C-alpha atoms as a PDB file:
ATOM      1  CA  MET A   1     109.205 -52.189 -59.110  1.00  0.00           C
ATOM      2  CA  PRO A   2     106.191 -50.179 -57.781  1.00  0.00           C
ATOM      3  CA  PRO A   3     106.945 -47.304 -55.365  1.00  0.00           C
ATOM      4  CA  ILE A   4     107.021 -47.991 -51.639  1.00  0.00           C
ATOM      5  CA  LYS A   5     103.692 -47.044 -50.078  1.00  0.00           C
ATOM      6  CA  LYS A   6     103.835 -44.687 -47.100  1.00  0.00           C
ATOM      7  CA  ILE A   7     101.615 -45.189 -44.058  1.00  0.00           C
ATOM      8  CA  LEU A   8     101.062 -42.756 -41.178  1.00  0.00           C
ATOM      9  CA  SER A   9      99.674 -44.115 -37.908  1.00  0.00           C
ATOM     10  CA  ILE A  10      98.597 -41.924 -34.964  1.00  0.00           C
ATOM     11  CA  ASP A  11      97.867 -43.260 -31.464  1.00  0.00           C
ATOM     12  CA  GLY A  12      94.987 -42.367 -29.173  1.00  0.00           C
ATOM     13  CA  GLY A  13      95.477 -40.308 -26.040  1.00  0.00           C
ATOM     14  CA  GLY A  14      92.898 -37.557 -25.623  1.00  0.00           C
ATOM     15  CA  ILE A  15      94.331 -34.054 -25.304  1.00  0.00           C
ATOM     16  CA  ARG A  16      97.792 -35.576 -25.776  1.00  0.00           C
ATOM     17  CA  GLY A  17      96.960 -35.681 -29.489  1.00  0.00           C
ATOM     18  CA  ILE A  18      98.710 -32.318 -29.482  1.00  0.00           C
ATOM     19  CA  ILE A  19     102.009 -34.230 -29.395  1.00  0.00           C
ATOM     20  CA  PRO A  20     101.750 -36.188 -32.692  1.00  0.00           C
ATOM     21  CA  GLY A  21      99.921 -33.219 -34.194  1.00  0.00           C
ATOM     22  CA  GLN A  22     102.878 -30.965 -33.410  1.00  0.00           C
ATOM     23  CA  VAL A  23     105.375 -33.544 -34.675  1.00  0.00           C
ATOM     24  CA  LEU A  24     103.525 -33.403 -38.004  1.00  0.00           C
ATOM     25  CA  VAL A  25     103.527 -29.596 -37.907  1.00  0.00           C
ATOM     26  CA  GLU A  26     107.306 -29.719 -37.626  1.00  0.00           C
ATOM     27  CA  ILE A  27     107.576 -32.316 -40.420  1.00  0.00           C
ATOM     28  CA  GLU A  28     105.541 -30.080 -42.737  1.00  0.00           C
ATOM     29  CA  LYS A  29     107.745 -27.084 -41.904  1.00  0.00           C
ATOM     30  CA  ALA A  30     111.106 -28.850 -42.050  1.00  0.00           C
ATOM     31  CA  PHE A  31     110.628 -31.018 -45.127  1.00  0.00           C
ATOM     32  CA  GLY A  32     108.018 -29.124 -47.144  1.00  0.00           C
ATOM     33  CA  VAL A  33     105.515 -31.987 -47.233  1.00  0.00           C
ATOM     34  CA  GLN A  34     101.817 -32.206 -46.439  1.00  0.00           C
ATOM     35  CA  VAL A  35     100.229 -35.156 -44.698  1.00  0.00           C
ATOM     36  CA  ALA A  36      97.512 -35.460 -47.355  1.00  0.00           C
ATOM     37  CA  SER A  37     100.006 -35.567 -50.207  1.00  0.00           C
ATOM     38  CA  GLU A  38     102.914 -37.402 -48.574  1.00  0.00           C
ATOM     39  CA  PHE A  39     101.106 -40.465 -47.224  1.00  0.00           C
ATOM     40  CA  ASP A  40      99.181 -43.155 -49.092  1.00  0.00           C
ATOM     41  CA  LEU A  41      97.255 -44.356 -46.034  1.00  0.00           C
ATOM     42  CA  VAL A  42      96.540 -42.650 -42.689  1.00  0.00           C
ATOM     43  CA  ALA A  43      95.403 -44.568 -39.614  1.00  0.00           C
ATOM     44  CA  GLY A  44      94.181 -43.176 -36.319  1.00  0.00           C
ATOM     45  CA  THR A  45      92.607 -44.200 -33.044  1.00  0.00           C
ATOM     46  CA  SER A  46      90.569 -41.843 -30.846  1.00  0.00           C
ATOM     47  CA  THR A  47      92.341 -38.458 -30.864  1.00  0.00           C
ATOM     48  CA  GLY A  48      94.547 -39.919 -33.623  1.00  0.00           C
ATOM     49  CA  GLY A  49      91.396 -40.703 -35.586  1.00  0.00           C
ATOM     50  CA  ILE A  50      90.250 -37.095 -35.291  1.00  0.00           C
ATOM     51  CA  LEU A  51      93.673 -35.944 -36.488  1.00  0.00           C
ATOM     52  CA  ALA A  52      93.557 -38.342 -39.443  1.00  0.00           C
ATOM     53  CA  CYS A  53      90.139 -37.054 -40.521  1.00  0.00           C
ATOM     54  CA  ALA A  54      91.237 -33.428 -40.150  1.00  0.00           C
ATOM     55  CA  PHE A  55      94.451 -33.917 -42.148  1.00  0.00           C
ATOM     56  CA  LEU A  56      92.541 -35.569 -44.995  1.00  0.00           C
ATOM     57  CA  LEU A  57      89.514 -33.270 -45.084  1.00  0.00           C
ATOM     58  CA  PRO A  58      89.266 -31.604 -48.519  1.00  0.00           C
ATOM     59  CA  ASP A  59      88.859 -27.876 -49.034  1.00  0.00           C
ATOM     60  CA  ALA A  60      85.355 -27.169 -50.349  1.00  0.00           C
ATOM     61  CA  SER A  61      86.690 -24.608 -52.823  1.00  0.00           C
ATOM     62  CA  GLU A  62      89.593 -26.843 -53.953  1.00  0.00           C
ATOM     63  CA  PRO A  63      88.492 -30.461 -53.381  1.00  0.00           C
ATOM     64  CA  THR A  64      91.885 -31.933 -54.314  1.00  0.00           C
ATOM     65  CA  LYS A  65      93.648 -30.017 -51.538  1.00  0.00           C
ATOM     66  CA  PRO A  66      93.404 -30.328 -47.746  1.00  0.00           C
ATOM     67  CA  LYS A  67      91.282 -27.793 -45.897  1.00  0.00           C
ATOM     68  CA  PHE A  68      93.656 -27.512 -42.947  1.00  0.00           C
ATOM     69  CA  SER A  69      97.396 -27.294 -42.503  1.00  0.00           C
ATOM     70  CA  ALA A  70      98.911 -29.348 -39.694  1.00  0.00           C
ATOM     71  CA  GLU A  71      99.210 -26.164 -37.642  1.00  0.00           C
ATOM     72  CA  GLU A  72      95.496 -25.449 -38.034  1.00  0.00           C
ATOM     73  CA  VAL A  73      94.667 -29.011 -37.037  1.00  0.00           C
ATOM     74  CA  VAL A  74      96.641 -28.667 -33.791  1.00  0.00           C
ATOM     75  CA  GLY A  75      94.803 -25.395 -33.238  1.00  0.00           C
ATOM     76  CA  LEU A  76      91.609 -27.430 -32.733  1.00  0.00           C
ATOM     77  CA  TYR A  77      92.904 -28.575 -29.360  1.00  0.00           C
ATOM     78  CA  PHE A  78      93.757 -25.072 -28.194  1.00  0.00           C
ATOM     79  CA  GLU A  79      90.493 -23.585 -29.439  1.00  0.00           C
ATOM     80  CA  ARG A  80      88.172 -26.317 -28.180  1.00  0.00           C
ATOM     81  CA  GLY A  81      90.082 -28.468 -25.676  1.00  0.00           C
ATOM     82  CA  ASP A  82      88.827 -26.682 -22.570  1.00  0.00           C
ATOM     83  CA  LYS A  83      85.247 -26.810 -23.879  1.00  0.00           C
ATOM     84  CA  ILE A  84      85.423 -30.498 -24.839  1.00  0.00           C
ATOM     85  CA  PHE A  85      86.748 -31.436 -21.401  1.00  0.00           C
ATOM     86  CA  ASP A  86      84.410 -29.204 -19.437  1.00  0.00           C
ATOM     87  CA  VAL A  87      82.087 -30.511 -16.723  1.00  0.00           C
ATOM     88  CA  PRO A  88      79.035 -28.334 -16.037  1.00  0.00           C
ATOM     89  CA  PHE A  89      78.170 -28.159 -12.345  1.00  0.00           C
ATOM     90  CA  PHE A  90      74.852 -30.015 -12.610  1.00  0.00           C
ATOM     91  CA  HIS A  91      76.369 -32.737 -14.788  1.00  0.00           C
ATOM     92  CA  LYS A  92      79.002 -33.283 -12.118  1.00  0.00           C
ATOM     93  CA  ILE A  93      76.287 -33.688  -9.499  1.00  0.00           C
ATOM     94  CA  ARG A  94      74.074 -35.918 -11.683  1.00  0.00           C
ATOM     95  CA  SER A  95      76.952 -38.190 -12.680  1.00  0.00           C
ATOM     96  CA  VAL A  96      78.443 -38.224  -9.158  1.00  0.00           C
ATOM     97  CA  ALA A  97      81.740 -36.985 -10.613  1.00  0.00           C
ATOM     98  CA  GLY A  98      81.629 -39.510 -13.449  1.00  0.00           C
ATOM     99  CA  ILE A  99      80.694 -42.589 -11.438  1.00  0.00           C
ATOM    100  CA  LEU A 100      77.052 -42.982 -12.486  1.00  0.00           C
ATOM    101  CA  ASP A 101      77.339 -41.408 -15.944  1.00  0.00           C
ATOM    102  CA  GLU A 102      80.043 -40.396 -18.394  1.00  0.00           C
ATOM    103  CA  LYS A 103      82.493 -37.808 -17.035  1.00  0.00           C
ATOM    104  CA  TYR A 104      81.840 -35.265 -19.797  1.00  0.00           C
ATOM    105  CA  PRO A 105      78.645 -34.374 -21.683  1.00  0.00           C
ATOM    106  CA  ALA A 106      78.937 -34.968 -25.430  1.00  0.00           C
ATOM    107  CA  LYS A 107      77.844 -31.460 -26.407  1.00  0.00           C
ATOM    108  CA  GLY A 108      81.343 -29.945 -26.282  1.00  0.00           C
ATOM    109  CA  ILE A 109      83.028 -32.484 -28.526  1.00  0.00           C
ATOM    110  CA  GLU A 110      80.054 -32.770 -30.881  1.00  0.00           C
ATOM    111  CA  ASN A 111      79.898 -29.009 -31.396  1.00  0.00           C
ATOM    112  CA  ALA A 112      83.621 -28.913 -32.166  1.00  0.00           C
ATOM    113  CA  LEU A 113      83.445 -31.808 -34.631  1.00  0.00           C
ATOM    114  CA  ASN A 114      80.395 -30.308 -36.337  1.00  0.00           C
ATOM    115  CA  ASP A 115      82.165 -26.963 -36.755  1.00  0.00           C
ATOM    116  CA  TYR A 116      85.312 -28.550 -38.213  1.00  0.00           C
ATOM    117  CA  PHE A 117      83.835 -31.328 -40.365  1.00  0.00           C
ATOM    118  CA  ALA A 118      80.325 -30.001 -41.101  1.00  0.00           C
ATOM    119  CA  ALA A 119      78.513 -32.302 -43.568  1.00  0.00           C
ATOM    120  CA  ALA A 120      81.575 -33.975 -45.129  1.00  0.00           C
ATOM    121  CA  TRP A 121      81.352 -37.684 -45.933  1.00  0.00           C
ATOM    122  CA  LEU A 122      84.015 -40.286 -45.295  1.00  0.00           C
ATOM    123  CA  LYS A 123      84.214 -40.966 -49.036  1.00  0.00           C
ATOM    124  CA  ASP A 124      85.235 -37.319 -49.562  1.00  0.00           C
ATOM    125  CA  LEU A 125      88.530 -37.631 -47.660  1.00  0.00           C
ATOM    126  CA  LEU A 126      91.628 -37.183 -49.790  1.00  0.00           C
ATOM    127  CA  LYS A 127      93.329 -40.515 -49.117  1.00  0.00           C
ATOM    128  CA  PRO A 128      92.580 -44.026 -47.851  1.00  0.00           C
ATOM    129  CA  CYS A 129      92.332 -44.174 -44.081  1.00  0.00           C
ATOM    130  CA  VAL A 130      91.661 -46.558 -41.210  1.00  0.00           C
ATOM    131  CA  ILE A 131      89.819 -45.118 -38.214  1.00  0.00           C
ATOM    132  CA  THR A 132      89.329 -47.597 -35.376  1.00  0.00           C
ATOM    133  CA  THR A 133      86.280 -48.102 -33.152  1.00  0.00           C
ATOM    134  CA  TYR A 134      84.708 -51.017 -31.289  1.00  0.00           C
ATOM    135  CA  ASP A 135      81.167 -52.275 -31.933  1.00  0.00           C
ATOM    136  CA  ILE A 136      79.632 -53.012 -28.511  1.00  0.00           C
ATOM    137  CA  GLU A 137      76.500 -54.718 -29.899  1.00  0.00           C
ATOM    138  CA  ASN A 138      78.222 -57.065 -32.363  1.00  0.00           C
ATOM    139  CA  ARG A 139      81.314 -57.344 -30.136  1.00  0.00           C
ATOM    140  CA  LYS A 140      84.002 -56.752 -32.727  1.00  0.00           C
ATOM    141  CA  GLY A 141      86.311 -54.086 -34.045  1.00  0.00           C
ATOM    142  CA  HIS A 142      84.763 -51.663 -36.519  1.00  0.00           C
ATOM    143  CA  PHE A 143      87.115 -49.946 -38.947  1.00  0.00           C
ATOM    144  CA  PHE A 144      86.080 -46.913 -40.977  1.00  0.00           C
ATOM    145  CA  GLY A 145      87.849 -46.521 -44.319  1.00  0.00           C
ATOM    146  CA  GLN A 146      87.649 -43.893 -47.052  1.00  0.00           C
ATOM    147  CA  HIS A 147      88.666 -46.496 -49.630  1.00  0.00           C
ATOM    148  CA  LYS A 148      85.668 -48.639 -48.645  1.00  0.00           C
ATOM    149  CA  ALA A 149      83.260 -45.705 -48.433  1.00  0.00           C
ATOM    150  CA  LYS A 150      84.052 -44.529 -51.967  1.00  0.00           C
ATOM    151  CA  GLY A 151      82.428 -47.543 -53.550  1.00  0.00           C
ATOM    152  CA  ASP A 152      79.728 -48.581 -51.106  1.00  0.00           C
ATOM    153  CA  PRO A 153      77.164 -46.461 -49.158  1.00  0.00           C
ATOM    154  CA  ASP A 154      77.118 -49.192 -46.481  1.00  0.00           C
ATOM    155  CA  TYR A 155      80.629 -48.042 -45.527  1.00  0.00           C
ATOM    156  CA  ASN A 156      80.061 -44.305 -45.934  1.00  0.00           C
ATOM    157  CA  PHE A 157      79.444 -42.123 -42.863  1.00  0.00           C
ATOM    158  CA  ARG A 158      79.586 -38.469 -41.948  1.00  0.00           C
ATOM    159  CA  VAL A 159      83.156 -37.609 -40.953  1.00  0.00           C
ATOM    160  CA  LYS A 160      81.969 -35.871 -37.782  1.00  0.00           C
ATOM    161  CA  ASP A 161      80.248 -39.126 -36.744  1.00  0.00           C
ATOM    162  CA  VAL A 162      83.387 -41.154 -37.475  1.00  0.00           C
ATOM    163  CA  ALA A 163      85.451 -38.764 -35.353  1.00  0.00           C
ATOM    164  CA  ARG A 164      82.883 -38.843 -32.558  1.00  0.00           C
ATOM    165  CA  ALA A 165      82.759 -42.657 -32.523  1.00  0.00           C
ATOM    166  CA  THR A 166      86.511 -43.193 -32.449  1.00  0.00           C
ATOM    167  CA  SER A 167      86.841 -40.794 -29.510  1.00  0.00           C
ATOM    168  CA  ALA A 168      83.959 -42.214 -27.420  1.00  0.00           C
ATOM    169  CA  ALA A 169      86.281 -43.276 -24.613  1.00  0.00           C
ATOM    170  CA  PRO A 170      84.454 -45.276 -21.911  1.00  0.00           C
ATOM    171  CA  THR A 171      83.894 -43.279 -18.694  1.00  0.00           C
ATOM    172  CA  TYR A 172      84.832 -40.032 -20.519  1.00  0.00           C
ATOM    173  CA  PHE A 173      82.117 -39.787 -23.213  1.00  0.00           C
ATOM    174  CA  GLU A 174      78.953 -41.740 -23.892  1.00  0.00           C
ATOM    175  CA  CYS A 175      79.030 -44.323 -26.669  1.00  0.00           C
ATOM    176  CA  GLU A 176      77.928 -43.210 -30.139  1.00  0.00           C
ATOM    177  CA  ARG A 177      75.259 -44.497 -32.505  1.00  0.00           C
ATOM    178  CA  VAL A 178      76.351 -43.878 -36.117  1.00  0.00           C
ATOM    179  CA  ILE A 179      74.286 -44.406 -39.246  1.00  0.00           C
ATOM    180  CA  SER A 180      75.742 -45.093 -42.680  1.00  0.00           C
ATOM    181  CA  GLU A 181      74.612 -43.453 -45.910  1.00  0.00           C
ATOM    182  CA  ALA A 182      72.737 -46.690 -46.616  1.00  0.00           C
ATOM    183  CA  GLY A 183      70.898 -46.471 -43.280  1.00  0.00           C
ATOM    184  CA  ASN A 184      72.745 -49.143 -41.283  1.00  0.00           C
ATOM    185  CA  SER A 185      73.496 -48.247 -37.668  1.00  0.00           C
ATOM    186  CA  PHE A 186      76.271 -49.230 -35.253  1.00  0.00           C
ATOM    187  CA  ALA A 187      76.814 -48.621 -31.538  1.00  0.00           C
ATOM    188  CA  LEU A 188      80.470 -47.750 -31.124  1.00  0.00           C
ATOM    189  CA  ILE A 189      83.099 -46.802 -28.568  1.00  0.00           C
ATOM    190  CA  ASP A 190      86.703 -45.627 -28.727  1.00  0.00           C
ATOM    191  CA  GLY A 191      89.002 -47.965 -30.662  1.00  0.00           C
ATOM    192  CA  GLY A 192      91.585 -47.477 -27.925  1.00  0.00           C
ATOM    193  CA  VAL A 193      89.930 -50.213 -25.880  1.00  0.00           C
ATOM    194  CA  PHE A 194      91.619 -52.780 -28.115  1.00  0.00           C
ATOM    195  CA  VAL A 195      93.969 -51.037 -30.541  1.00  0.00           C
ATOM    196  CA  ASN A 196      95.270 -47.732 -29.191  1.00  0.00           C
ATOM    197  CA  ASN A 197      98.228 -47.913 -31.570  1.00  0.00           C
ATOM    198  CA  PRO A 198      96.630 -48.591 -34.984  1.00  0.00           C
ATOM    199  CA  SER A 199      99.861 -49.171 -36.894  1.00  0.00           C
ATOM    200  CA  LEU A 200      99.450 -52.949 -37.105  1.00  0.00           C
ATOM    201  CA  VAL A 201      95.849 -52.499 -38.295  1.00  0.00           C
ATOM    202  CA  ALA A 202      97.151 -50.088 -40.945  1.00  0.00           C
ATOM    203  CA  TYR A 203      99.762 -52.631 -42.006  1.00  0.00           C
ATOM    204  CA  ALA A 204      97.103 -55.316 -42.387  1.00  0.00           C
ATOM    205  CA  GLU A 205      94.815 -52.985 -44.340  1.00  0.00           C
ATOM    206  CA  GLY A 206      97.701 -51.848 -46.512  1.00  0.00           C
ATOM    207  CA  ARG A 207      98.432 -55.419 -47.553  1.00  0.00           C
ATOM    208  CA  THR A 208      95.002 -55.520 -49.182  1.00  0.00           C
ATOM    209  CA  ILE A 209      94.632 -52.052 -50.655  1.00  0.00           C
ATOM    210  CA  PHE A 210      98.165 -51.922 -52.055  1.00  0.00           C
ATOM    211  CA  LYS A 211      97.878 -55.118 -54.068  1.00  0.00           C
ATOM    212  CA  ASP A 212     100.094 -55.396 -57.147  1.00  0.00           C
ATOM    213  CA  ASN A 213      98.848 -57.630 -59.967  1.00  0.00           C
ATOM    214  CA  GLY A 214      96.592 -59.427 -57.507  1.00  0.00           C
ATOM    215  CA  ASP A 215      99.360 -60.108 -54.978  1.00  0.00           C
ATOM    216  CA  GLU A 216      99.004 -58.661 -51.489  1.00  0.00           C
ATOM    217  CA  ALA A 217     101.636 -56.146 -50.422  1.00  0.00           C
ATOM    218  CA  THR A 218     104.191 -57.220 -47.826  1.00  0.00           C
ATOM    219  CA  ALA A 219     106.408 -55.311 -45.412  1.00  0.00           C
ATOM    220  CA  LYS A 220     109.001 -54.572 -48.080  1.00  0.00           C
ATOM    221  CA  ASP A 221     106.315 -52.792 -50.139  1.00  0.00           C
ATOM    222  CA  MET A 222     105.254 -50.430 -47.335  1.00  0.00           C
ATOM    223  CA  LYS A 223     106.890 -48.134 -44.834  1.00  0.00           C
ATOM    224  CA  ILE A 224     105.199 -47.014 -41.650  1.00  0.00           C
ATOM    225  CA  LEU A 225     105.648 -43.885 -39.548  1.00  0.00           C
ATOM    226  CA  SER A 226     103.940 -44.521 -36.206  1.00  0.00           C
ATOM    227  CA  ILE A 227     103.581 -41.576 -33.805  1.00  0.00           C
ATOM    228  CA  GLY A 228     102.556 -41.958 -30.181  1.00  0.00           C
ATOM    229  CA  THR A 229     100.945 -39.472 -27.809  1.00  0.00           C
ATOM    230  CA  GLY A 230     103.568 -39.846 -25.109  1.00  0.00           C
ATOM    231  CA  HIS A 231     103.316 -42.388 -22.334  1.00  0.00           C
ATOM    232  CA  ASN A 232     103.572 -42.419 -18.572  1.00  0.00           C
ATOM    233  CA  ARG A 233     104.289 -45.839 -17.128  1.00  0.00           C
ATOM    234  CA  LYS A 234     102.457 -45.201 -13.894  1.00  0.00           C
ATOM    235  CA  SER A 235     103.211 -47.866 -11.340  1.00  0.00           C
ATOM    236  CA  TYR A 236     100.369 -49.583  -9.490  1.00  0.00           C
ATOM    237  CA  LYS A 237     101.572 -50.932  -6.171  1.00  0.00           C
ATOM    238  CA  TYR A 238     100.616 -54.467  -5.219  1.00  0.00           C
ATOM    239  CA  SER A 239      99.953 -53.442  -1.628  1.00  0.00           C
ATOM    240  CA  LYS A 240      97.141 -51.154  -2.806  1.00  0.00           C
ATOM    241  CA  ALA A 241      95.888 -52.978  -5.907  1.00  0.00           C
ATOM    242  CA  LYS A 242      95.325 -56.277  -4.105  1.00  0.00           C
ATOM    243  CA  ASN A 243      92.444 -54.694  -2.196  1.00  0.00           C
ATOM    244  CA  TRP A 244      90.863 -52.774  -5.079  1.00  0.00           C
ATOM    245  CA  GLY A 245      87.295 -53.419  -6.125  1.00  0.00           C
ATOM    246  CA  MET A 246      85.464 -52.574  -9.343  1.00  0.00           C
ATOM    247  CA  ALA A 247      85.433 -48.802  -8.800  1.00  0.00           C
ATOM    248  CA  GLU A 248      89.149 -48.591  -8.032  1.00  0.00           C
ATOM    249  CA  TRP A 249      90.158 -50.726 -11.007  1.00  0.00           C
ATOM    250  CA  VAL A 250      88.270 -48.778 -13.714  1.00  0.00           C
ATOM    251  CA  GLN A 251      90.861 -46.083 -14.482  1.00  0.00           C
ATOM    252  CA  PRO A 252      93.964 -48.299 -14.038  1.00  0.00           C
ATOM    253  CA  VAL A 253      92.466 -50.925 -16.374  1.00  0.00           C
ATOM    254  CA  ILE A 254      91.852 -48.323 -19.105  1.00  0.00           C
ATOM    255  CA  ASP A 255      95.404 -47.008 -18.700  1.00  0.00           C
ATOM    256  CA  ILE A 256      96.983 -50.483 -18.746  1.00  0.00           C
ATOM    257  CA  MET A 257      94.805 -51.614 -21.657  1.00  0.00           C
ATOM    258  CA  MET A 258      95.717 -48.621 -23.837  1.00  0.00           C
ATOM    259  CA  SER A 259      99.446 -48.633 -23.154  1.00  0.00           C
ATOM    260  CA  GLY A 260      99.643 -52.431 -23.341  1.00  0.00           C
ATOM    261  CA  SER A 261      97.961 -52.664 -26.746  1.00  0.00           C
ATOM    262  CA  ALA A 262     100.209 -49.895 -28.079  1.00  0.00           C
ATOM    263  CA  ASP A 263     103.317 -51.727 -26.899  1.00  0.00           C
ATOM    264  CA  VAL A 264     102.198 -55.013 -28.457  1.00  0.00           C
ATOM    265  CA  ALA A 265     101.558 -53.425 -31.868  1.00  0.00           C
ATOM    266  CA  HIS A 266     105.030 -51.855 -31.825  1.00  0.00           C
ATOM    267  CA  TYR A 267     106.662 -55.118 -30.764  1.00  0.00           C
ATOM    268  CA  GLN A 268     104.966 -57.068 -33.542  1.00  0.00           C
ATOM    269  CA  LEU A 269     105.749 -54.552 -36.292  1.00  0.00           C
ATOM    270  CA  ASP A 270     109.338 -54.255 -35.122  1.00  0.00           C
ATOM    271  CA  LYS A 271     109.678 -58.034 -35.511  1.00  0.00           C
ATOM    272  CA  ILE A 272     107.907 -58.043 -38.906  1.00  0.00           C
ATOM    273  CA  TYR A 273     110.157 -55.325 -40.316  1.00  0.00           C
ATOM    274  CA  GLY A 274     113.195 -56.970 -38.803  1.00  0.00           C
ATOM    275  CA  THR A 275     112.794 -59.707 -41.429  1.00  0.00           C
ATOM    276  CA  ILE A 276     113.234 -57.439 -44.491  1.00  0.00           C
ATOM    277  CA  ASP A 277     116.356 -55.943 -46.053  1.00  0.00           C
ATOM    278  CA  ASN A 278     115.600 -52.456 -44.749  1.00  0.00           C
ATOM    279  CA  PRO A 279     114.016 -52.604 -41.267  1.00  0.00           C
ATOM    280  CA  LYS A 280     114.140 -48.788 -41.103  1.00  0.00           C
ATOM    281  CA  GLN A 281     111.028 -48.724 -43.270  1.00  0.00           C
ATOM    282  CA  TYR A 282     109.240 -48.913 -39.924  1.00  0.00           C
ATOM    283  CA  LEU A 283     109.744 -46.011 -37.514  1.00  0.00           C
ATOM    284  CA  ARG A 284     108.042 -45.547 -34.144  1.00  0.00           C
ATOM    285  CA  ILE A 285     108.200 -42.090 -32.521  1.00  0.00           C
ATOM    286  CA  ASP A 286     107.182 -41.849 -28.864  1.00  0.00           C
ATOM    287  CA  LYS A 287     108.609 -40.908 -25.470  1.00  0.00           C
ATOM    288  CA  ASP A 288     107.998 -41.038 -21.732  1.00  0.00           C
ATOM    289  CA  LEU A 289     105.900 -38.144 -20.373  1.00  0.00           C
ATOM    290  CA  ASN A 290     107.286 -38.379 -16.843  1.00  0.00           C
ATOM    291  CA  PRO A 291     105.565 -35.510 -14.967  1.00  0.00           C
ATOM    292  CA  ASP A 292     108.566 -35.108 -12.647  1.00  0.00           C
ATOM    293  CA  THR A 293     110.851 -34.141 -15.550  1.00  0.00           C
ATOM    294  CA  THR A 294     108.415 -32.622 -18.060  1.00  0.00           C
ATOM    295  CA  GLY A 295     105.964 -30.835 -15.780  1.00  0.00           C
ATOM    296  CA  ILE A 296     103.169 -32.275 -17.933  1.00  0.00           C
ATOM    297  CA  ASP A 297      99.965 -33.703 -16.519  1.00  0.00           C
ATOM    298  CA  PRO A 298      99.607 -36.902 -18.621  1.00  0.00           C
ATOM    299  CA  ASP A 299      95.875 -37.322 -17.980  1.00  0.00           C
ATOM    300  CA  MET A 300      93.995 -37.550 -21.269  1.00  0.00           C
ATOM    301  CA  ASP A 301      91.595 -34.785 -20.217  1.00  0.00           C
ATOM    302  CA  CYS A 302      93.943 -32.195 -18.693  1.00  0.00           C
ATOM    303  CA  ALA A 303      93.145 -29.415 -21.162  1.00  0.00           C
ATOM    304  CA  THR A 304      94.375 -26.345 -19.331  1.00  0.00           C
ATOM    305  CA  GLN A 305      96.126 -23.811 -21.553  1.00  0.00           C
ATOM    306  CA  GLU A 306      99.316 -24.319 -19.541  1.00  0.00           C
ATOM    307  CA  ASN A 307      99.295 -28.097 -19.964  1.00  0.00           C
ATOM    308  CA  MET A 308      98.456 -27.891 -23.668  1.00  0.00           C
ATOM    309  CA  ALA A 309     101.359 -25.465 -24.201  1.00  0.00           C
ATOM    310  CA  LYS A 310     103.677 -27.979 -22.518  1.00  0.00           C
ATOM    311  CA  LEU A 311     102.332 -30.789 -24.712  1.00  0.00           C
ATOM    312  CA  LYS A 312     103.031 -28.682 -27.796  1.00  0.00           C
ATOM    313  CA  GLU A 313     106.579 -28.015 -26.621  1.00  0.00           C
ATOM    314  CA  PHE A 314     107.012 -31.734 -25.922  1.00  0.00           C
ATOM    315  CA  GLY A 315     105.921 -32.473 -29.519  1.00  0.00           C
ATOM    316  CA  GLN A 316     108.483 -30.000 -30.834  1.00  0.00           C
ATOM    317  CA  GLN A 317     111.213 -31.622 -28.749  1.00  0.00           C
ATOM    318  CA  LEU A 318     110.137 -35.091 -29.852  1.00  0.00           C
ATOM    319  CA  PHE A 319     110.510 -34.019 -33.473  1.00  0.00           C
ATOM    320  CA  GLU A 320     113.949 -32.471 -32.923  1.00  0.00           C
ATOM    321  CA  GLU A 321     115.195 -35.580 -31.112  1.00  0.00           C
ATOM    322  CA  ASN A 322     114.055 -37.756 -34.015  1.00  0.00           C
ATOM    323  CA  ARG A 323     114.602 -35.339 -36.898  1.00  0.00           C
ATOM    324  CA  GLY A 324     117.385 -37.383 -38.457  1.00  0.00           C
ATOM    325  CA  LYS A 325     115.425 -40.629 -38.234  1.00  0.00           C
ATOM    326  CA  ILE A 326     112.335 -38.991 -39.728  1.00  0.00           C
ATOM    327  CA  GLU A 327     114.322 -37.514 -42.597  1.00  0.00           C
ATOM    328  CA  GLU A 328     115.917 -40.891 -43.258  1.00  0.00           C
ATOM    329  CA  TRP A 329     112.492 -42.544 -43.172  1.00  0.00           C
ATOM    330  CA  LEU A 330     111.128 -40.041 -45.677  1.00  0.00           C
ATOM    331  CA  GLU A 331     114.074 -40.715 -47.989  1.00  0.00           C
ATOM    332  CA  THR A 332     114.113 -44.516 -47.589  1.00  0.00           C
ATOM    333  CA  ASN A 333     113.384 -46.179 -50.941  1.00  0.00           C
ATOM    334  CA  LYS A 334     112.092 -42.850 -52.197  1.00  0.00           C
ATOM    335  CA  SER A 335     110.659 -43.202 -55.674  1.00  0.00           C
END
């Protein structure tokens, strides 16, 4: 019997990517594993896509080893978060506080991604991956994959461009035009608009790439660790919403769309894995970010040092609360 394949899936959520990043820091410390060596496939959306790329980026001096530890990856948020989510005075005026143009200029995030990923190609990443985006010209999901890029320049892109595309959240950053090694171009936005929790996409991709003797893999052949970025089920009152127009609905729709798609993916995978002998091969780690009890501002762009420190602490707590489940997941059907 072939070994069970291990899949890591990381949700989108802007600066809240600190939470799953810190959970993985704690996993590396507690169990002596590295993301790049422990998992056979890594999936990410938006901030989760950036994390996936960073975890799998090879060291230039030792190409078989990751360049960054999980702790260094989380450091990206603390080093660059306030610059990525910074609004210069004249941009604020020109955009009318984000109404007539994107809320943030792309320079901050593009500089950070260029510094971290430099000229690396998608095909160079250490393991297969699925990074989600949405193609606004062809109106369909666009999935970047290292396993596809390795054999075909049509699927190979600069990692910094992949990370920029998956994090091009509407109203926050302008959409991104990416060009493959073969010269094909795509106009892309954040994958969170349709698949903020990419675990089901990873499951579908895993069925194909983990074929055994020509047969597609099934749930029993894979186990999935899905990590969220925290959620805040903000209530929208009927008395107010019934009178909203286009401008008032923009932010609530993005919030509802992202949390709703994440919930659906979890529901479907929970049902799929409920049909096999060991349903614990699927594990979802996430928790409510209620500001009243955590003191955290759940907005995707609240990148103050104080809020980021609270997000990091929340990630540590999330790990401790689920430590036993994570350890059991790591040991389940261990080969």
